[in-house]
Amino acid sequence: MEVSRIIAEIDAQISKLEQAKALLQGTSTTNTGRKGPRKNAGPAAPAAAKSGVKKKRNLSADARKRIAEAQKRRWAERRKEN
């Protein structure tokens, strides 16, 4: 095994252990690998929930229709190739 690979694996294990420690202490780390705030994350949850909220983007009926037609054309071309 290469030394750099061993060091990378040790760093990964350290990161996992630090996350586990933070969870046990009731604090959250900046990168937990989750996509959103957890329900029982403690005092950090409300701030994280407000900053991570994204507005839902809506398509008009005409835009959905154009996208659907374009995709159908792509599928038809693909069927012709095969």
N, C-alpha and C. Protein backbone atom coordinates (compact mmCIF):
# COMPACT_ATOMS: atom_id res chain seq x y z
N MET A 1 0.83 -1.18 0.00
CA MET A 1 0.00 0.00 0.00
C MET A 1 0.88 1.24 0.00
N GLU A 2 0.46 2.23 -0.76
CA GLU A 2 1.22 3.47 -0.81
C GLU A 2 0.96 4.30 0.45
N VAL A 3 1.95 5.06 0.83
CA VAL A 3 1.84 5.89 2.03
C VAL A 3 0.72 6.93 1.86
N SER A 4 0.61 7.51 0.67
CA SER A 4 -0.43 8.53 0.46
C SER A 4 -1.83 7.94 0.60
N ARG A 5 -2.00 6.69 0.16
CA ARG A 5 -3.31 6.04 0.29
C ARG A 5 -3.63 5.75 1.75
N ILE A 6 -2.63 5.32 2.49
CA ILE A 6 -2.81 5.06 3.92
C ILE A 6 -3.20 6.35 4.65
N ILE A 7 -2.52 7.43 4.32
CA ILE A 7 -2.83 8.72 4.94
C ILE A 7 -4.24 9.16 4.60
N ALA A 8 -4.66 8.95 3.35
CA ALA A 8 -6.01 9.32 2.94
C ALA A 8 -7.05 8.52 3.72
N GLU A 9 -6.80 7.23 3.93
CA GLU A 9 -7.73 6.39 4.69
C GLU A 9 -7.77 6.82 6.16
N ILE A 10 -6.64 7.17 6.71
CA ILE A 10 -6.60 7.65 8.10
C ILE A 10 -7.39 8.95 8.23
N ASP A 11 -7.21 9.87 7.26
CA ASP A 11 -7.96 11.13 7.28
C ASP A 11 -9.46 10.88 7.20
N ALA A 12 -9.87 9.91 6.38
CA ALA A 12 -11.29 9.59 6.27
C ALA A 12 -11.83 9.05 7.59
N GLN A 13 -11.06 8.19 8.24
CA GLN A 13 -11.47 7.65 9.54
C GLN A 13 -11.55 8.74 10.60
N ILE A 14 -10.58 9.66 10.58
CA ILE A 14 -10.60 10.77 11.54
C ILE A 14 -11.85 11.62 11.33
N SER A 15 -12.19 11.89 10.08
CA SER A 15 -13.38 12.67 9.78
C SER A 15 -14.64 11.98 10.31
N LYS A 16 -14.74 10.67 10.10
CA LYS A 16 -15.89 9.91 10.59
C LYS A 16 -15.97 9.95 12.12
N LEU A 17 -14.82 9.81 12.76
CA LEU A 17 -14.80 9.84 14.22
C LEU A 17 -15.17 11.22 14.76
N GLU A 18 -14.72 12.28 14.09
CA GLU A 18 -15.07 13.64 14.52
C GLU A 18 -16.58 13.88 14.38
N GLN A 19 -17.17 13.36 13.30
CA GLN A 19 -18.61 13.49 13.12
C GLN A 19 -19.36 12.73 14.21
N ALA A 20 -18.90 11.53 14.52
CA ALA A 20 -19.55 10.73 15.57
C ALA A 20 -19.44 11.44 16.91
N LYS A 21 -18.29 12.02 17.20
CA LYS A 21 -18.09 12.75 18.45
C LYS A 21 -19.03 13.95 18.53
N ALA A 22 -19.14 14.68 17.43
CA ALA A 22 -20.02 15.85 17.40
C ALA A 22 -21.47 15.44 17.62
N LEU A 23 -21.88 14.33 17.04
CA LEU A 23 -23.25 13.86 17.23
C LEU A 23 -23.50 13.47 18.69
N LEU A 24 -22.54 12.81 19.29
CA LEU A 24 -22.69 12.41 20.68
C LEU A 24 -22.70 13.61 21.63
N GLN A 25 -21.97 14.65 21.27
CA GLN A 25 -21.94 15.85 22.10
C GLN A 25 -23.13 16.76 21.85
N GLY A 26 -23.88 16.49 20.79
CA GLY A 26 -25.06 17.30 20.51
C GLY A 26 -24.78 18.50 19.63
N THR A 27 -23.61 18.57 19.06
CA THR A 27 -23.29 19.64 18.12
C THR A 27 -23.25 19.07 16.73
N SER A 28 -23.37 19.93 15.74
CA SER A 28 -23.33 19.44 14.37
C SER A 28 -22.06 19.94 13.69
N THR A 29 -21.56 19.14 12.75
CA THR A 29 -20.40 19.54 11.97
C THR A 29 -20.89 20.23 10.71
N THR A 30 -19.99 20.90 10.00
CA THR A 30 -20.40 21.63 8.80
C THR A 30 -20.75 20.70 7.66
N ASN A 31 -20.13 19.54 7.54
CA ASN A 31 -20.40 18.64 6.44
C ASN A 31 -20.71 17.26 6.99
N THR A 32 -21.99 16.98 7.22
CA THR A 32 -22.38 15.69 7.76
C THR A 32 -22.80 14.73 6.66
N GLY A 33 -22.82 15.18 5.41
CA GLY A 33 -23.21 14.31 4.31
C GLY A 33 -24.71 14.23 4.13
N ARG A 34 -25.46 15.00 4.87
CA ARG A 34 -26.91 15.00 4.75
C ARG A 34 -27.34 16.15 3.85
N LYS A 35 -28.51 16.01 3.26
CA LYS A 35 -29.00 17.03 2.34
C LYS A 35 -29.78 18.14 3.04
N GLY A 36 -30.23 17.92 4.23
CA GLY A 36 -31.01 18.94 4.92
C GLY A 36 -30.85 18.84 6.41
N PRO A 37 -31.42 19.78 7.13
CA PRO A 37 -31.30 19.75 8.59
C PRO A 37 -32.10 18.60 9.18
N ARG A 38 -31.60 18.06 10.27
CA ARG A 38 -32.30 16.98 10.95
C ARG A 38 -33.30 17.57 11.93
N LYS A 39 -34.28 16.79 12.30
CA LYS A 39 -35.32 17.27 13.22
C LYS A 39 -34.76 17.57 14.60
N ASN A 40 -33.91 16.72 15.13
CA ASN A 40 -33.41 16.86 16.49
C ASN A 40 -31.96 17.31 16.51
N ALA A 41 -31.61 18.27 15.69
CA ALA A 41 -30.22 18.70 15.60
C ALA A 41 -29.85 19.70 16.68
N GLY A 42 -30.80 20.17 17.46
CA GLY A 42 -30.49 21.10 18.54
C GLY A 42 -30.60 22.54 18.10
N PRO A 43 -29.87 23.45 18.74
CA PRO A 43 -30.01 24.86 18.47
C PRO A 43 -29.57 25.28 17.06
N ALA A 44 -28.76 24.48 16.38
CA ALA A 44 -28.29 24.86 15.06
C ALA A 44 -29.35 24.62 13.98
N ALA A 45 -30.39 23.87 14.27
CA ALA A 45 -31.38 23.50 13.25
C ALA A 45 -32.14 24.69 12.67
N PRO A 46 -32.68 25.65 13.46
CA PRO A 46 -33.44 26.73 12.85
C PRO A 46 -32.63 27.59 11.89
N ALA A 47 -31.40 27.89 12.22
CA ALA A 47 -30.57 28.71 11.34
C ALA A 47 -30.27 27.96 10.05
N ALA A 48 -30.00 26.67 10.15
CA ALA A 48 -29.69 25.88 8.96
C ALA A 48 -30.91 25.75 8.07
N ALA A 49 -32.08 25.63 8.67
CA ALA A 49 -33.29 25.48 7.88
C ALA A 49 -33.60 26.75 7.09
N LYS A 50 -33.38 27.90 7.66
CA LYS A 50 -33.67 29.15 6.97
C LYS A 50 -32.70 29.40 5.82
N SER A 51 -31.43 29.09 6.01
CA SER A 51 -30.44 29.38 4.97
C SER A 51 -30.49 28.38 3.82
N GLY A 52 -30.99 27.17 4.05
CA GLY A 52 -30.99 26.14 3.03
C GLY A 52 -32.27 26.06 2.21
N VAL A 53 -33.24 26.91 2.48
CA VAL A 53 -34.52 26.84 1.79
C VAL A 53 -34.39 27.47 0.41
N LYS A 54 -34.81 26.71 -0.61
CA LYS A 54 -34.78 27.23 -1.97
C LYS A 54 -36.20 27.33 -2.48
N LYS A 55 -36.46 28.38 -3.23
CA LYS A 55 -37.80 28.59 -3.77
C LYS A 55 -38.03 27.60 -4.91
N LYS A 56 -39.21 27.03 -4.94
CA LYS A 56 -39.57 26.08 -5.98
C LYS A 56 -39.79 26.82 -7.28
N ARG A 57 -39.21 26.30 -8.36
CA ARG A 57 -39.36 26.94 -9.66
C ARG A 57 -40.47 26.24 -10.43
N ASN A 58 -41.37 27.01 -10.99
CA ASN A 58 -42.52 26.47 -11.71
C ASN A 58 -42.37 26.70 -13.20
N LEU A 59 -42.77 25.70 -13.99
CA LEU A 59 -42.80 25.84 -15.44
C LEU A 59 -44.22 26.14 -15.88
N SER A 60 -44.33 26.94 -16.92
CA SER A 60 -45.65 27.20 -17.48
C SER A 60 -46.09 25.96 -18.26
N ALA A 61 -47.37 25.88 -18.55
CA ALA A 61 -47.90 24.76 -19.31
C ALA A 61 -47.27 24.71 -20.70
N ASP A 62 -47.06 25.88 -21.29
CA ASP A 62 -46.44 25.94 -22.62
C ASP A 62 -45.01 25.42 -22.58
N ALA A 63 -44.27 25.78 -21.55
CA ALA A 63 -42.88 25.33 -21.43
C ALA A 63 -42.83 23.81 -21.23
N ARG A 64 -43.73 23.26 -20.41
CA ARG A 64 -43.78 21.81 -20.22
C ARG A 64 -44.08 21.10 -21.53
N LYS A 65 -44.99 21.68 -22.32
CA LYS A 65 -45.38 21.10 -23.60
C LYS A 65 -44.18 21.09 -24.56
N ARG A 66 -43.44 22.21 -24.62
CA ARG A 66 -42.28 22.27 -25.50
C ARG A 66 -41.21 21.26 -25.10
N ILE A 67 -40.99 21.13 -23.80
CA ILE A 67 -39.99 20.17 -23.31
C ILE A 67 -40.42 18.74 -23.64
N ALA A 68 -41.70 18.43 -23.46
CA ALA A 68 -42.21 17.09 -23.75
C ALA A 68 -42.07 16.78 -25.24
N GLU A 69 -42.40 17.73 -26.09
CA GLU A 69 -42.28 17.51 -27.53
C GLU A 69 -40.82 17.31 -27.94
N ALA A 70 -39.93 18.10 -27.38
CA ALA A 70 -38.51 17.95 -27.70
C ALA A 70 -38.00 16.59 -27.27
N GLN A 71 -38.42 16.13 -26.10
CA GLN A 71 -37.98 14.81 -25.62
C GLN A 71 -38.53 13.71 -26.50
N LYS A 72 -39.78 13.84 -26.94
CA LYS A 72 -40.35 12.83 -27.83
C LYS A 72 -39.59 12.77 -29.14
N ARG A 73 -39.15 13.93 -29.65
CA ARG A 73 -38.34 13.94 -30.87
C ARG A 73 -37.01 13.23 -30.63
N ARG A 74 -36.40 13.46 -29.46
CA ARG A 74 -35.13 12.78 -29.15
C ARG A 74 -35.32 11.26 -29.09
N TRP A 75 -36.41 10.82 -28.48
CA TRP A 75 -36.67 9.39 -28.38
C TRP A 75 -36.89 8.80 -29.78
N ALA A 76 -37.63 9.54 -30.64
CA ALA A 76 -37.89 9.05 -31.99
C ALA A 76 -36.58 8.92 -32.77
N GLU A 77 -35.68 9.89 -32.64
CA GLU A 77 -34.38 9.81 -33.31
C GLU A 77 -33.59 8.62 -32.80
N ARG A 78 -33.66 8.37 -31.51
CA ARG A 78 -32.92 7.26 -30.90
C ARG A 78 -33.44 5.93 -31.43
N ARG A 79 -34.77 5.82 -31.57
CA ARG A 79 -35.36 4.58 -32.10
C ARG A 79 -34.94 4.35 -33.55
N LYS A 80 -34.81 5.43 -34.32
CA LYS A 80 -34.40 5.30 -35.72
C LYS A 80 -32.97 4.81 -35.81
N GLU A 81 -32.10 5.24 -34.90
CA GLU A 81 -30.70 4.83 -34.91
C GLU A 81 -30.56 3.33 -34.63
N ASN A 82 -31.40 2.80 -33.77
CA ASN A 82 -31.29 1.39 -33.36
C ASN A 82 -32.14 0.58 -34.24
